[in-house]
Amino acid sequence: MKLNILGSGTCIPYERRGSSGYALRLTKSTILLDCGNGTTWKLGKLGINYLEVDHVFLSHFHPDHTADLIPFLFATKYALVKRVKPLYIWGSRGFKRFFSVLNNAYNDWIQPDKLNIEELDEGIMKFDDFTLISGKTLHIDSSLAYRIESEGKSIVYSGDTDYSESLVELARDSDCLIIECSMPDKLKVKGHLTPTEVSKIANKSKAKRLIISHLYPICDELDVIKVIREQVDAETILAEDLLEVEI
């Protein structure tokens, strides 16, 4: 598995960090986890052909996790070299209605050939070269976290979430946990994690490696990564846009 971080930030404009997006390259499949604004052009910067993406898994429907579906699909529809394999975009219940409204607003300009809009719920799905396990998280109704297992490795993406035991279980003994840390402890916001909560999830799940992401600017100012590293045993990486990690 090879992970490329496309966006390690939030909805707040910040020259250091774009909105949420991650590319995961497996033996046969290329996967996007979220598609926040700016992720499409970063694929090219990393040498990933956007027409070769097989699946997009959305953690929830907030704009900073879905806004680049518009340029991504618009580019796919009008590409000079047409897409030859199916594209699947997955979201929780309600995603088909969400996409229908979006597509109507854009007069079918974001409806390329070979596009499949799919919904999923908590549970296990098996694909050609990976297994996906999804679980609800405490953010908004459409929120899901994902665990992807492939090639003897496992990676978990928390999406946006508050503390939950279900996320601990999803991340249990994983090789890598991409986990949000939106605010420092003293500025706790419901539906998001702080360094102490991240540390609690990491220690209880025994994830082998942490990637701390979805960082508001104040998290860099107050060095939340230092706080987390002081509380966990796992290797802890500060996410940065365009960072590549071998899983």
Protein backbone atom coordinates (compact mmCIF):
# COMPACT_ATOMS: atom_id res chain seq x y z
CA MET A 1 0.00 0.00 0.00
CA LYS A 2 1.12 3.52 -0.78
CA LEU A 3 -0.67 6.48 0.80
CA ASN A 4 -0.50 10.01 -0.60
CA ILE A 5 -1.95 12.86 1.45
CA LEU A 6 -3.72 15.29 -0.85
CA GLY A 7 -5.21 17.54 1.80
CA SER A 8 -4.45 17.58 5.53
CA GLY A 9 -6.50 20.61 6.49
CA THR A 10 -10.10 21.67 6.96
CA CYS A 11 -12.61 24.13 5.51
CA ILE A 12 -10.43 27.06 6.59
CA PRO A 13 -8.25 28.53 3.79
CA TYR A 14 -4.65 27.88 4.84
CA GLU A 15 -1.59 28.05 2.61
CA ARG A 16 -0.06 25.02 4.30
CA ARG A 17 -3.01 22.63 4.16
CA GLY A 18 -5.82 21.97 1.68
CA SER A 19 -9.14 20.29 2.45
CA SER A 20 -9.42 16.58 3.14
CA GLY A 21 -8.28 14.06 0.56
CA TYR A 22 -6.11 10.92 0.52
CA ALA A 23 -5.02 8.61 -2.31
CA LEU A 24 -4.31 4.97 -1.61
CA ARG A 25 -2.58 2.87 -4.27
CA LEU A 26 -2.90 -0.91 -4.08
CA THR A 27 -1.75 -3.68 -6.43
CA LYS A 28 -4.73 -3.23 -8.76
CA SER A 29 -6.86 -0.42 -7.33
CA THR A 30 -6.45 3.30 -6.80
CA ILE A 31 -8.69 4.67 -4.08
CA LEU A 32 -9.57 8.18 -2.94
CA LEU A 33 -10.66 8.75 0.63
CA ASP A 34 -12.65 11.99 0.47
CA CYS A 35 -12.40 14.60 -2.26
CA GLY A 36 -12.11 18.04 -0.68
CA ASN A 37 -11.34 21.14 -2.72
CA GLY A 38 -7.92 21.05 -4.36
CA THR A 39 -7.47 17.29 -4.39
CA THR A 40 -7.88 16.77 -8.15
CA TRP A 41 -4.94 18.91 -9.27
CA LYS A 42 -2.76 17.40 -6.52
CA LEU A 43 -3.27 13.94 -8.03
CA GLY A 44 -1.43 15.14 -11.12
CA LYS A 45 1.30 16.67 -9.01
CA LEU A 46 1.88 13.23 -7.48
CA GLY A 47 1.82 11.45 -10.85
CA ILE A 48 -1.58 9.84 -10.30
CA ASN A 49 -3.85 9.83 -13.35
CA TYR A 50 -7.32 10.89 -12.20
CA LEU A 51 -8.83 8.68 -14.92
CA GLU A 52 -7.26 5.66 -13.21
CA VAL A 53 -9.06 6.16 -9.88
CA ASP A 54 -11.31 3.16 -9.23
CA HIS A 55 -13.18 4.11 -6.06
CA VAL A 56 -13.93 7.24 -4.06
CA PHE A 57 -15.09 6.63 -0.49
CA LEU A 58 -16.61 9.69 1.19
CA SER A 59 -16.50 9.98 4.96
CA HIS A 60 -19.44 12.44 4.96
CA PHE A 61 -21.06 15.13 2.84
CA HIS A 62 -19.55 18.38 4.18
CA PRO A 63 -18.07 20.60 1.42
CA ASP A 64 -14.47 20.30 2.61
CA HIS A 65 -14.74 16.54 1.98
CA THR A 66 -16.78 16.53 -1.24
CA ALA A 67 -16.31 19.83 -3.13
CA ASP A 68 -13.73 18.51 -5.59
CA LEU A 69 -16.16 15.92 -6.89
CA ILE A 70 -17.31 18.72 -9.19
CA PRO A 71 -13.98 19.41 -11.00
CA PHE A 72 -13.00 15.73 -10.75
CA LEU A 73 -16.14 14.53 -12.53
CA PHE A 74 -16.29 17.49 -14.93
CA ALA A 75 -12.73 16.72 -16.04
CA THR A 76 -13.58 13.02 -16.36
CA LYS A 77 -16.62 13.72 -18.57
CA TYR A 78 -14.74 16.00 -20.97
CA ALA A 79 -11.31 14.35 -20.95
CA LEU A 80 -9.72 14.02 -24.40
CA VAL A 81 -8.79 10.46 -23.48
CA LYS A 82 -11.97 8.77 -22.32
CA ARG A 83 -12.17 6.69 -19.21
CA VAL A 84 -12.12 2.95 -19.97
CA LYS A 85 -12.97 1.38 -16.60
CA PRO A 86 -15.84 1.96 -14.16
CA LEU A 87 -15.66 4.65 -11.49
CA TYR A 88 -17.45 4.02 -8.22
CA ILE A 89 -18.23 6.79 -5.74
CA TRP A 90 -19.47 5.63 -2.36
CA GLY A 91 -21.21 7.45 0.46
CA SER A 92 -23.53 6.60 3.31
CA ARG A 93 -27.31 6.44 3.04
CA GLY A 94 -28.63 9.53 1.30
CA PHE A 95 -25.67 9.85 -1.07
CA LYS A 96 -27.69 9.07 -4.19
CA ARG A 97 -30.07 11.92 -3.38
CA PHE A 98 -27.11 14.19 -2.54
CA PHE A 99 -25.48 13.47 -5.90
CA SER A 100 -28.74 13.81 -7.81
CA VAL A 101 -29.24 17.34 -6.46
CA LEU A 102 -25.64 18.22 -7.30
CA ASN A 103 -25.90 16.78 -10.79
CA ASN A 104 -29.15 18.63 -11.49
CA ALA A 105 -27.52 21.90 -10.45
CA TYR A 106 -24.75 21.25 -12.99
CA ASN A 107 -27.01 20.09 -15.84
CA ASP A 108 -25.41 16.61 -16.05
CA TRP A 109 -21.98 18.15 -16.66
CA ILE A 110 -20.65 15.99 -13.82
CA GLN A 111 -22.21 12.75 -15.08
CA PRO A 112 -19.46 11.03 -17.11
CA ASP A 113 -19.78 7.62 -18.70
CA LYS A 114 -18.96 4.64 -16.49
CA LEU A 115 -19.90 6.51 -13.29
CA ASN A 116 -21.57 4.50 -10.55
CA ILE A 117 -23.06 6.23 -7.50
CA GLU A 118 -23.39 3.82 -4.61
CA GLU A 119 -24.51 3.86 -0.98
CA LEU A 120 -23.11 1.78 1.85
CA ASP A 121 -23.72 1.29 5.55
CA GLU A 122 -21.80 -0.20 8.43
CA GLY A 123 -20.35 -3.57 7.53
CA ILE A 124 -17.86 -5.48 5.37
CA MET A 125 -17.50 -5.38 1.59
CA LYS A 126 -15.01 -7.41 -0.45
CA PHE A 127 -13.47 -6.04 -3.64
CA ASP A 128 -10.96 -7.45 -6.11
CA ASP A 129 -7.82 -6.62 -4.15
CA PHE A 130 -9.08 -5.19 -0.85
CA THR A 131 -11.65 -5.55 1.88
CA LEU A 132 -13.54 -2.50 3.16
CA ILE A 133 -14.99 -2.30 6.67
CA SER A 134 -17.09 0.77 7.41
CA GLY A 135 -18.45 2.07 10.71
CA LYS A 136 -20.53 5.00 11.91
CA THR A 137 -18.79 7.90 13.62
CA LEU A 138 -19.99 10.77 15.80
CA HIS A 139 -19.95 13.81 13.54
CA ILE A 140 -23.06 14.16 11.34
CA ASP A 141 -25.65 11.63 10.14
CA SER A 142 -23.74 10.78 6.96
CA SER A 143 -20.40 10.16 8.72
CA LEU A 144 -18.47 6.92 8.26
CA ALA A 145 -14.97 5.76 9.11
CA TYR A 146 -13.25 3.19 6.89
CA ARG A 147 -10.81 0.34 7.33
CA ILE A 148 -9.13 -1.01 4.21
CA GLU A 149 -7.29 -4.32 4.32
CA SER A 150 -5.05 -5.41 1.46
CA GLU A 151 -1.76 -7.14 0.84
CA GLY A 152 -1.56 -8.18 4.50
CA LYS A 153 -1.81 -4.55 5.66
CA SER A 154 -4.58 -2.44 7.16
CA ILE A 155 -5.24 1.29 7.11
CA VAL A 156 -8.05 3.14 8.91
CA TYR A 157 -9.42 6.58 8.08
CA SER A 158 -11.43 8.24 10.86
CA GLY A 159 -12.99 11.02 8.80
CA ASP A 160 -14.38 13.73 11.06
CA THR A 161 -15.45 12.33 14.40
CA ASP A 162 -15.75 12.72 18.13
CA TYR A 163 -14.42 10.08 20.50
CA SER A 164 -16.14 6.71 20.13
CA GLU A 165 -15.44 3.15 21.17
CA SER A 166 -16.58 1.99 17.71
CA LEU A 167 -13.63 3.85 16.17
CA VAL A 168 -11.32 2.19 18.69
CA GLU A 169 -12.57 -1.20 17.54
CA LEU A 170 -12.35 -0.32 13.84
CA ALA A 171 -8.72 0.73 14.33
CA ARG A 172 -7.80 -2.26 16.48
CA ASP A 173 -4.21 -3.42 15.69
CA SER A 174 -4.23 -1.56 12.37
CA ASP A 175 -0.95 -0.83 10.60
CA CYS A 176 -1.89 2.82 10.10
CA LEU A 177 -4.60 5.10 11.50
CA ILE A 178 -5.27 8.40 9.74
CA ILE A 179 -7.02 10.31 12.48
CA GLU A 180 -8.37 13.83 12.72
CA CYS A 181 -7.23 16.29 15.38
CA SER A 182 -9.15 19.48 14.74
CA MET A 183 -8.60 21.45 17.92
CA PRO A 184 -6.31 21.62 20.96
CA ASP A 185 -7.70 20.29 24.24
CA LYS A 186 -8.65 23.70 25.59
CA LEU A 187 -10.81 24.45 22.51
CA LYS A 188 -12.76 21.16 22.33
CA VAL A 189 -15.56 21.23 19.71
CA LYS A 190 -18.32 18.62 19.69
CA GLY A 191 -17.94 16.24 16.75
CA HIS A 192 -14.15 16.61 16.54
CA LEU A 193 -11.11 15.21 18.34
CA THR A 194 -8.48 16.84 20.53
CA PRO A 195 -4.92 15.57 21.17
CA THR A 196 -5.88 13.82 24.41
CA GLU A 197 -8.81 12.06 22.71
CA VAL A 198 -6.62 11.04 19.78
CA SER A 199 -4.10 9.61 22.24
CA LYS A 200 -6.81 7.65 24.06
CA ILE A 201 -8.05 6.11 20.79
CA ALA A 202 -4.49 5.31 19.70
CA ASN A 203 -3.55 3.64 22.97
CA LYS A 204 -6.77 1.64 23.28
CA SER A 205 -6.76 0.49 19.63
CA LYS A 206 -3.04 -0.29 19.60
CA ALA A 207 -2.73 1.08 16.07
CA LYS A 208 0.91 0.71 15.02
CA ARG A 209 1.25 4.10 13.30
CA LEU A 210 -0.70 7.34 13.51
CA ILE A 211 -1.07 10.05 10.88
CA ILE A 212 -2.50 13.18 12.49
CA SER A 213 -4.58 15.16 10.02
CA HIS A 214 -7.59 17.49 9.51
CA LEU A 215 -5.67 20.22 11.31
CA TYR A 216 -6.99 23.72 11.80
CA PRO A 217 -4.25 26.41 11.74
CA ILE A 218 -4.32 26.73 15.52
CA CYS A 219 -3.20 23.09 15.80
CA ASP A 220 0.08 23.99 14.10
CA GLU A 221 0.42 27.13 16.20
CA LEU A 222 0.03 25.18 19.45
CA ASP A 223 1.99 22.10 18.26
CA VAL A 224 -0.65 19.46 18.98
CA ILE A 225 1.59 16.76 17.49
CA LYS A 226 4.00 17.26 20.39
CA VAL A 227 1.20 16.69 22.88
CA ILE A 228 0.14 13.47 21.14
CA ARG A 229 3.68 12.12 20.86
CA GLU A 230 4.13 12.56 24.60
CA GLN A 231 1.07 10.39 25.28
CA VAL A 232 1.33 7.50 22.79
CA ASP A 233 3.78 4.72 22.03
CA ALA A 234 2.93 4.37 18.35
CA GLU A 235 4.94 6.07 15.63
CA THR A 236 3.19 9.41 15.08
CA ILE A 237 3.41 11.37 11.83
CA LEU A 238 2.20 14.92 11.26
CA ALA A 239 0.25 14.93 8.00
CA GLU A 240 1.41 17.36 5.32
CA ASP A 241 -0.05 17.93 1.88
CA LEU A 242 1.72 15.80 -0.78
CA LEU A 243 3.38 13.58 1.84
CA GLU A 244 3.82 9.96 0.72
CA VAL A 245 3.75 7.11 3.24
CA GLU A 246 4.47 3.45 2.58
CA ILE A 247 2.11 1.28 4.64
